[in-house]
C-alpha atoms as a PDB file:
ATOM      1  CA  MET A   1      97.250 110.319  84.629  1.00  0.00           C
ATOM      2  CA  HIS A   2      98.100 106.842  85.921  1.00  0.00           C
ATOM      3  CA  PHE A   3      96.462 105.387  89.012  1.00  0.00           C
ATOM      4  CA  ASP A   4      96.035 101.867  90.348  1.00  0.00           C
ATOM      5  CA  TYR A   5      92.563 100.529  91.041  1.00  0.00           C
ATOM      6  CA  LEU A   6      90.239  97.552  91.116  1.00  0.00           C
ATOM      7  CA  LEU A   7      86.912  97.696  89.314  1.00  0.00           C
ATOM      8  CA  ARG A   8      83.507  96.054  89.631  1.00  0.00           C
ATOM      9  CA  ARG A   9      81.255  96.938  86.752  1.00  0.00           C
ATOM     10  CA  PRO A  10      77.495  97.277  87.331  1.00  0.00           C
ATOM     11  CA  LEU A  11      75.816  93.930  87.966  1.00  0.00           C
ATOM     12  CA  THR A  12      72.567  95.154  86.434  1.00  0.00           C
ATOM     13  CA  PRO A  13      72.913  96.352  82.822  1.00  0.00           C
ATOM     14  CA  PRO A  14      72.717 100.165  82.868  1.00  0.00           C
ATOM     15  CA  THR A  15      70.417 101.974  80.454  1.00  0.00           C
ATOM     16  CA  HIS A  16      72.694 105.029  80.573  1.00  0.00           C
ATOM     17  CA  ARG A  17      75.955 106.025  82.210  1.00  0.00           C
ATOM     18  CA  PRO A  18      76.141 104.134  85.528  1.00  0.00           C
ATOM     19  CA  PRO A  19      76.637 105.787  88.930  1.00  0.00           C
ATOM     20  CA  LEU A  20      80.185 105.511  90.270  1.00  0.00           C
ATOM     21  CA  LEU A  21      81.092 104.497  93.820  1.00  0.00           C
ATOM     22  CA  VAL A  22      84.710 105.312  94.725  1.00  0.00           C
ATOM     23  CA  LEU A  23      86.286 103.418  97.644  1.00  0.00           C
ATOM     24  CA  LEU A  24      89.165 105.010  99.597  1.00  0.00           C
ATOM     25  CA  HIS A  25      91.148 102.722 101.897  1.00  0.00           C
ATOM     26  CA  GLY A  26      92.848 103.589 105.180  1.00  0.00           C
ATOM     27  CA  LYS A  27      96.513 104.086 106.036  1.00  0.00           C
ATOM     28  CA  GLY A  28      98.741 101.074 105.471  1.00  0.00           C
ATOM     29  CA  ALA A  29      96.304  99.292 103.163  1.00  0.00           C
ATOM     30  CA  ASN A  30      95.793  99.202  99.409  1.00  0.00           C
ATOM     31  CA  GLU A  31      93.029  98.934  96.826  1.00  0.00           C
ATOM     32  CA  ASP A  32      92.347  95.295  97.766  1.00  0.00           C
ATOM     33  CA  ASP A  33      91.188  96.249 101.248  1.00  0.00           C
ATOM     34  CA  LEU A  34      87.777  97.826 100.684  1.00  0.00           C
ATOM     35  CA  PHE A  35      87.297  96.022  97.376  1.00  0.00           C
ATOM     36  CA  THR A  36      86.428  92.918  99.398  1.00  0.00           C
ATOM     37  CA  LEU A  37      83.157  94.744 100.162  1.00  0.00           C
ATOM     38  CA  ALA A  38      82.346  95.454  96.509  1.00  0.00           C
ATOM     39  CA  LYS A  39      80.004  92.476  96.183  1.00  0.00           C
ATOM     40  CA  HIS A  40      77.715  94.001  98.823  1.00  0.00           C
ATOM     41  CA  PHE A  41      77.066  97.343  97.120  1.00  0.00           C
ATOM     42  CA  ASP A  42      73.976  98.084  95.078  1.00  0.00           C
ATOM     43  CA  PRO A  43      74.244  96.260  91.725  1.00  0.00           C
ATOM     44  CA  ARG A  44      73.566  99.503  89.851  1.00  0.00           C
ATOM     45  CA  PHE A  45      76.911 100.925  90.963  1.00  0.00           C
ATOM     46  CA  MET A  46      80.134 100.795  89.057  1.00  0.00           C
ATOM     47  CA  VAL A  47      82.564 100.342  91.977  1.00  0.00           C
ATOM     48  CA  ILE A  48      86.183 101.447  91.826  1.00  0.00           C
ATOM     49  CA  SER A  49      88.668 101.019  94.661  1.00  0.00           C
ATOM     50  CA  LEU A  50      91.643 103.393  94.396  1.00  0.00           C
ATOM     51  CA  ARG A  51      95.177 102.920  95.710  1.00  0.00           C
ATOM     52  CA  ALA A  52      96.437 105.925  97.700  1.00  0.00           C
ATOM     53  CA  PRO A  53      99.337 107.720  95.983  1.00  0.00           C
ATOM     54  CA  HIS A  54     102.001 107.602  98.711  1.00  0.00           C
ATOM     55  CA  GLU A  55     103.857 104.308  99.217  1.00  0.00           C
ATOM     56  CA  MET A  56     104.945 103.339 102.728  1.00  0.00           C
ATOM     57  CA  ALA A  57     106.389  99.932 101.763  1.00  0.00           C
ATOM     58  CA  PRO A  58     105.595  97.444  99.002  1.00  0.00           C
ATOM     59  CA  GLY A  59     101.849  96.806  99.199  1.00  0.00           C
ATOM     60  CA  TYR A  60     101.227  99.483 101.854  1.00  0.00           C
ATOM     61  CA  TYR A  61      99.999 102.979 101.018  1.00  0.00           C
ATOM     62  CA  ARG A  62      98.816 106.164 102.698  1.00  0.00           C
ATOM     63  CA  TRP A  63      97.020 109.351 101.778  1.00  0.00           C
ATOM     64  CA  TYR A  64      99.184 111.445 104.105  1.00  0.00           C
ATOM     65  CA  GLU A  65     101.762 111.079 106.834  1.00  0.00           C
ATOM     66  CA  ARG A  66     101.056 111.939 110.438  1.00  0.00           C
ATOM     67  CA  ALA A  67     103.357 111.801 113.416  1.00  0.00           C
ATOM     68  CA  GLU A  68     102.813 111.832 117.156  1.00  0.00           C
ATOM     69  CA  THR A  69     104.928 114.471 118.877  1.00  0.00           C
ATOM     70  CA  ALA A  70     105.106 116.000 122.335  1.00  0.00           C
ATOM     71  CA  GLN A  71     102.876 118.753 120.994  1.00  0.00           C
ATOM     72  CA  GLY A  72     100.327 116.282 119.655  1.00  0.00           C
ATOM     73  CA  LEU A  73      99.596 114.930 116.186  1.00  0.00           C
ATOM     74  CA  VAL A  74     101.368 116.601 113.287  1.00  0.00           C
ATOM     75  CA  PHE A  75     100.012 116.112 109.760  1.00  0.00           C
ATOM     76  CA  ASP A  76     102.019 116.440 106.563  1.00  0.00           C
ATOM     77  CA  GLU A  77     100.048 119.239 104.916  1.00  0.00           C
ATOM     78  CA  ALA A  78     101.945 118.964 101.639  1.00  0.00           C
ATOM     79  CA  GLU A  79     101.003 115.284 101.310  1.00  0.00           C
ATOM     80  CA  ILE A  80      97.394 116.043 102.203  1.00  0.00           C
ATOM     81  CA  GLU A  81      97.148 118.682  99.507  1.00  0.00           C
ATOM     82  CA  ALA A  82      98.942 116.484  96.971  1.00  0.00           C
ATOM     83  CA  SER A  83      96.508 113.646  97.702  1.00  0.00           C
ATOM     84  CA  ARG A  84      93.493 115.958  97.529  1.00  0.00           C
ATOM     85  CA  THR A  85      94.366 117.299  94.085  1.00  0.00           C
ATOM     86  CA  TRP A  86      95.433 113.827  92.902  1.00  0.00           C
ATOM     87  CA  LEU A  87      92.099 112.378  94.041  1.00  0.00           C
ATOM     88  CA  ILE A  88      90.042 114.988  92.215  1.00  0.00           C
ATOM     89  CA  GLN A  89      91.935 114.254  89.013  1.00  0.00           C
ATOM     90  CA  ALA A  90      91.725 110.485  89.495  1.00  0.00           C
ATOM     91  CA  ILE A  91      87.943 110.657  89.971  1.00  0.00           C
ATOM     92  CA  ASN A  92      87.530 112.849  86.897  1.00  0.00           C
ATOM     93  CA  ASP A  93      89.691 110.486  84.837  1.00  0.00           C
ATOM     94  CA  ALA A  94      87.749 107.461  86.116  1.00  0.00           C
ATOM     95  CA  VAL A  95      84.419 109.056  85.208  1.00  0.00           C
ATOM     96  CA  MET A  96      85.590 109.874  81.699  1.00  0.00           C
ATOM     97  CA  GLY A  97      87.587 106.705  81.095  1.00  0.00           C
ATOM     98  CA  LEU A  98      84.967 104.293  82.424  1.00  0.00           C
ATOM     99  CA  GLY A  99      81.914 106.088  81.067  1.00  0.00           C
ATOM    100  CA  ALA A 100      80.328 106.749  84.465  1.00  0.00           C
ATOM    101  CA  ASP A 101      77.687 109.368  85.191  1.00  0.00           C
ATOM    102  CA  PRO A 102      79.533 112.572  86.213  1.00  0.00           C
ATOM    103  CA  HIS A 103      76.488 113.679  88.213  1.00  0.00           C
ATOM    104  CA  GLN A 104      76.360 110.448  90.247  1.00  0.00           C
ATOM    105  CA  VAL A 105      79.765 110.088  91.895  1.00  0.00           C
ATOM    106  CA  HIS A 106      79.688 108.742  95.447  1.00  0.00           C
ATOM    107  CA  LEU A 107      82.602 108.296  97.859  1.00  0.00           C
ATOM    108  CA  LEU A 108      83.085 105.826 100.695  1.00  0.00           C
ATOM    109  CA  GLY A 109      86.255 106.107 102.723  1.00  0.00           C
ATOM    110  CA  PHE A 110      87.641 104.518 105.869  1.00  0.00           C
ATOM    111  CA  GLY A 111      90.209 106.052 108.236  1.00  0.00           C
ATOM    112  CA  GLN A 112      92.506 108.239 106.141  1.00  0.00           C
ATOM    113  CA  GLY A 113      90.214 107.462 103.211  1.00  0.00           C
ATOM    114  CA  GLY A 114      87.300 108.798 105.245  1.00  0.00           C
ATOM    115  CA  ALA A 115      89.293 111.951 105.951  1.00  0.00           C
ATOM    116  CA  MET A 116      89.997 112.406 102.246  1.00  0.00           C
ATOM    117  CA  ALA A 117      86.320 111.858 101.449  1.00  0.00           C
ATOM    118  CA  LEU A 118      85.406 114.653 103.876  1.00  0.00           C
ATOM    119  CA  ALA A 119      88.129 116.854 102.385  1.00  0.00           C
ATOM    120  CA  LEU A 120      86.580 116.479  98.931  1.00  0.00           C
ATOM    121  CA  ALA A 121      83.087 117.083 100.289  1.00  0.00           C
ATOM    122  CA  LEU A 122      84.383 120.345 101.741  1.00  0.00           C
ATOM    123  CA  THR A 123      86.532 121.527  98.856  1.00  0.00           C
ATOM    124  CA  ALA A 124      85.203 119.899  95.674  1.00  0.00           C
ATOM    125  CA  PRO A 125      81.499 119.184  96.240  1.00  0.00           C
ATOM    126  CA  ARG A 126      80.576 119.794  92.604  1.00  0.00           C
ATOM    127  CA  HIS A 127      82.340 116.535  91.742  1.00  0.00           C
ATOM    128  CA  LEU A 128      80.246 114.493  94.201  1.00  0.00           C
ATOM    129  CA  ARG A 129      76.694 113.411  94.949  1.00  0.00           C
ATOM    130  CA  SER A 130      77.162 111.771  98.356  1.00  0.00           C
ATOM    131  CA  VAL A 131      79.894 110.802 100.809  1.00  0.00           C
ATOM    132  CA  VAL A 132      80.228 108.093 103.447  1.00  0.00           C
ATOM    133  CA  SER A 133      83.039 108.729 105.936  1.00  0.00           C
ATOM    134  CA  ILE A 134      83.861 105.910 108.355  1.00  0.00           C
ATOM    135  CA  ALA A 135      86.303 106.710 111.183  1.00  0.00           C
ATOM    136  CA  GLY A 136      87.408 109.848 109.368  1.00  0.00           C
ATOM    137  CA  ARG A 137      88.387 113.330 110.474  1.00  0.00           C
ATOM    138  CA  LEU A 138      88.514 116.876 109.209  1.00  0.00           C
ATOM    139  CA  LEU A 139      91.897 117.901 107.840  1.00  0.00           C
ATOM    140  CA  ALA A 140      92.900 121.467 108.671  1.00  0.00           C
ATOM    141  CA  ALA A 141      95.112 121.575 105.588  1.00  0.00           C
ATOM    142  CA  SER A 142      92.012 121.485 103.372  1.00  0.00           C
ATOM    143  CA  ALA A 143      90.155 124.305 105.127  1.00  0.00           C
ATOM    144  CA  PRO A 144      91.664 127.109 102.997  1.00  0.00           C
ATOM    145  CA  PHE A 145      90.240 125.437  99.883  1.00  0.00           C
ATOM    146  CA  ALA A 146      86.677 125.130 101.199  1.00  0.00           C
ATOM    147  CA  ALA A 147      83.944 125.701  98.651  1.00  0.00           C
ATOM    148  CA  PRO A 148      81.095 128.143  99.394  1.00  0.00           C
ATOM    149  CA  ALA A 149      78.175 126.650 101.281  1.00  0.00           C
ATOM    150  CA  GLU A 150      75.821 127.047  98.322  1.00  0.00           C
ATOM    151  CA  ALA A 151      78.036 124.710  96.282  1.00  0.00           C
ATOM    152  CA  MET A 152      77.105 121.919  98.716  1.00  0.00           C
ATOM    153  CA  ASP A 153      73.318 122.218  98.334  1.00  0.00           C
ATOM    154  CA  HIS A 154      73.056 118.910  96.432  1.00  0.00           C
ATOM    155  CA  LEU A 155      75.409 116.956  98.704  1.00  0.00           C
ATOM    156  CA  THR A 156      74.408 114.341 101.294  1.00  0.00           C
ATOM    157  CA  LEU A 157      76.766 112.901 103.907  1.00  0.00           C
ATOM    158  CA  LEU A 158      76.759 109.877 106.171  1.00  0.00           C
ATOM    159  CA  ILE A 159      79.378 110.120 108.913  1.00  0.00           C
ATOM    160  CA  GLN A 160      80.008 106.956 110.953  1.00  0.00           C
ATOM    161  CA  HIS A 161      82.368 106.336 113.849  1.00  0.00           C
ATOM    162  CA  GLY A 162      82.986 103.781 116.552  1.00  0.00           C
ATOM    163  CA  THR A 163      82.905 105.135 120.096  1.00  0.00           C
ATOM    164  CA  LEU A 164      85.717 102.704 120.997  1.00  0.00           C
ATOM    165  CA  ASP A 165      88.007 103.764 118.134  1.00  0.00           C
ATOM    166  CA  GLU A 166      91.568 103.678 119.455  1.00  0.00           C
ATOM    167  CA  ARG A 167      93.196 105.288 116.389  1.00  0.00           C
ATOM    168  CA  VAL A 168      90.918 108.144 115.369  1.00  0.00           C
ATOM    169  CA  PRO A 169      88.937 109.624 118.260  1.00  0.00           C
ATOM    170  CA  HIS A 170      85.164 109.533 117.904  1.00  0.00           C
ATOM    171  CA  ALA A 171      85.243 113.288 118.631  1.00  0.00           C
ATOM    172  CA  GLU A 172      86.788 113.878 115.188  1.00  0.00           C
ATOM    173  CA  SER A 173      83.589 112.827 113.442  1.00  0.00           C
ATOM    174  CA  VAL A 174      81.517 114.839 115.914  1.00  0.00           C
ATOM    175  CA  ALA A 175      83.543 117.912 114.911  1.00  0.00           C
ATOM    176  CA  ALA A 176      83.064 117.128 111.222  1.00  0.00           C
ATOM    177  CA  CYS A 177      79.304 116.912 111.716  1.00  0.00           C
ATOM    178  CA  ALA A 178      79.295 120.272 113.448  1.00  0.00           C
ATOM    179  CA  LEU A 179      81.152 121.942 110.594  1.00  0.00           C
ATOM    180  CA  PHE A 180      78.932 120.535 107.870  1.00  0.00           C
ATOM    181  CA  ALA A 181      75.848 121.439 109.929  1.00  0.00           C
ATOM    182  CA  GLU A 182      77.058 125.056 109.949  1.00  0.00           C
ATOM    183  CA  LEU A 183      77.257 124.818 106.155  1.00  0.00           C
ATOM    184  CA  SER A 184      73.689 123.421 106.046  1.00  0.00           C
ATOM    185  CA  VAL A 185      74.823 120.206 104.340  1.00  0.00           C
ATOM    186  CA  LYS A 186      72.341 117.341 104.535  1.00  0.00           C
ATOM    187  CA  GLN A 187      73.885 114.665 106.703  1.00  0.00           C
ATOM    188  CA  GLY A 188      73.381 111.766 109.034  1.00  0.00           C
ATOM    189  CA  PHE A 189      75.654 110.836 111.928  1.00  0.00           C
ATOM    190  CA  LYS A 190      75.761 107.343 113.375  1.00  0.00           C
ATOM    191  CA  GLU A 191      77.931 106.040 116.175  1.00  0.00           C
ATOM    192  CA  TYR A 192      78.591 102.432 117.085  1.00  0.00           C
ATOM    193  CA  ALA A 193      80.100 100.489 119.974  1.00  0.00           C
ATOM    194  CA  ALA A 194      83.033  99.560 117.750  1.00  0.00           C
ATOM    195  CA  SER A 195      86.779 100.091 117.446  1.00  0.00           C
ATOM    196  CA  HIS A 196      88.712 101.244 114.349  1.00  0.00           C
ATOM    197  CA  THR A 197      86.910  98.979 111.927  1.00  0.00           C
ATOM    198  CA  ILE A 198      83.964  98.717 109.561  1.00  0.00           C
ATOM    199  CA  SER A 199      81.508  96.712 111.616  1.00  0.00           C
ATOM    200  CA  PRO A 200      78.593  94.780 110.070  1.00  0.00           C
ATOM    201  CA  ALA A 201      76.206  97.434 111.405  1.00  0.00           C
ATOM    202  CA  MET A 202      78.264 100.210 109.808  1.00  0.00           C
ATOM    203  CA  LEU A 203      78.312  98.392 106.491  1.00  0.00           C
ATOM    204  CA  LYS A 204      74.563  97.801 106.533  1.00  0.00           C
ATOM    205  CA  ASP A 205      73.849 101.462 107.262  1.00  0.00           C
ATOM    206  CA  ALA A 206      76.249 102.559 104.521  1.00  0.00           C
ATOM    207  CA  LEU A 207      74.647 100.177 102.009  1.00  0.00           C
ATOM    208  CA  ASP A 208      71.177 101.447 102.907  1.00  0.00           C
ATOM    209  CA  PHE A 209      72.302 105.077 102.650  1.00  0.00           C
ATOM    210  CA  LEU A 210      73.881 104.605  99.226  1.00  0.00           C
ATOM    211  CA  ARG A 211      70.877 102.704  97.901  1.00  0.00           C
ATOM    212  CA  VAL A 212      68.619 105.579  98.976  1.00  0.00           C
ATOM    213  CA  GLN A 213      70.867 108.029  97.129  1.00  0.00           C
ATOM    214  CA  LEU A 214      70.445 106.056  93.923  1.00  0.00           C
ATOM    215  CA  ASP A 215      66.712 105.609  94.390  1.00  0.00           C
ATOM    216  CA  THR A 216      66.288 109.315  95.050  1.00  0.00           C
ATOM    217  CA  ALA A 217      68.253 110.206  91.922  1.00  0.00           C
ATOM    218  CA  GLN A 218      66.088 107.840  89.885  1.00  0.00           C
ATOM    219  CA  GLY A 219      62.879 109.241  91.332  1.00  0.00           C
ATOM    220  CA  LYS A 220      61.918 106.199  93.356  1.00  0.00           C
ATOM    221  CA  THR A 221      60.045 106.420  96.621  1.00  0.00           C
ATOM    222  CA  HIS A 222      60.036 104.134  99.632  1.00  0.00           C
END
C-alpha cells in the first residue's frame, strides 16, 4: 500500500522497537502541517505525519467531505469509511515497514484528523495505545463498527477543544467525552479559550500527556 508521509526517527537511540506517534492533519492541509511540531515531541518517539487520502486540489487534502445544507451538516459516509479503513492499513504498514513497536502506537489528530483519531479509538482500539484529539468530533458513520468496550481497556484519550472554535463546535468534543465515558475509557478533557487552532497551551498539554504514556509503558513513576 502506498501512502505519503514525513518521518522523524527517534532522537534518542532506541534499545528496542521505538514507539510510534502518528500525526493526522486537518481538512485542506497536508503532511507538512503537523510535522512542523515534530521537533517538540518526546525524543523517544518515531514520529510520522500522514497525508490524508482524498485530494481537494494540489497540496490540499481531506479525510472526508462535508457540506452545509438547509438541514445542517452532511458528511460523506463513504469517504469516512474509506479513510478509516485506509488509516488502519497505513498504520499497520508503517509499524511493520519502519520497525516500530506495534503495542506503542499513539495518534494525534487535529480537526478532521482529530475526528479520524476518535474513529479509530472507537472502532480499532487494539491498534492503539493512546489518542490525542484536538478540535475533533465523533463521526456517526463509524458507530456501526464500534469495538466492544472491553477492547478499549488499555486505551487512554486526551480530548482538547477551544471554546471559541468557529469551525467545529466545542460541544462535539463534549459529546465524544460522554460516549467514551459510557464505555469506561480512561480519558482527560481539556478546554481552552481558543479558536480552531492548536494553541501553545494545547500543545504543552498534549506533549505532557504523551510523555506520561511512554513513561507509564516503561514503568517510570513521577
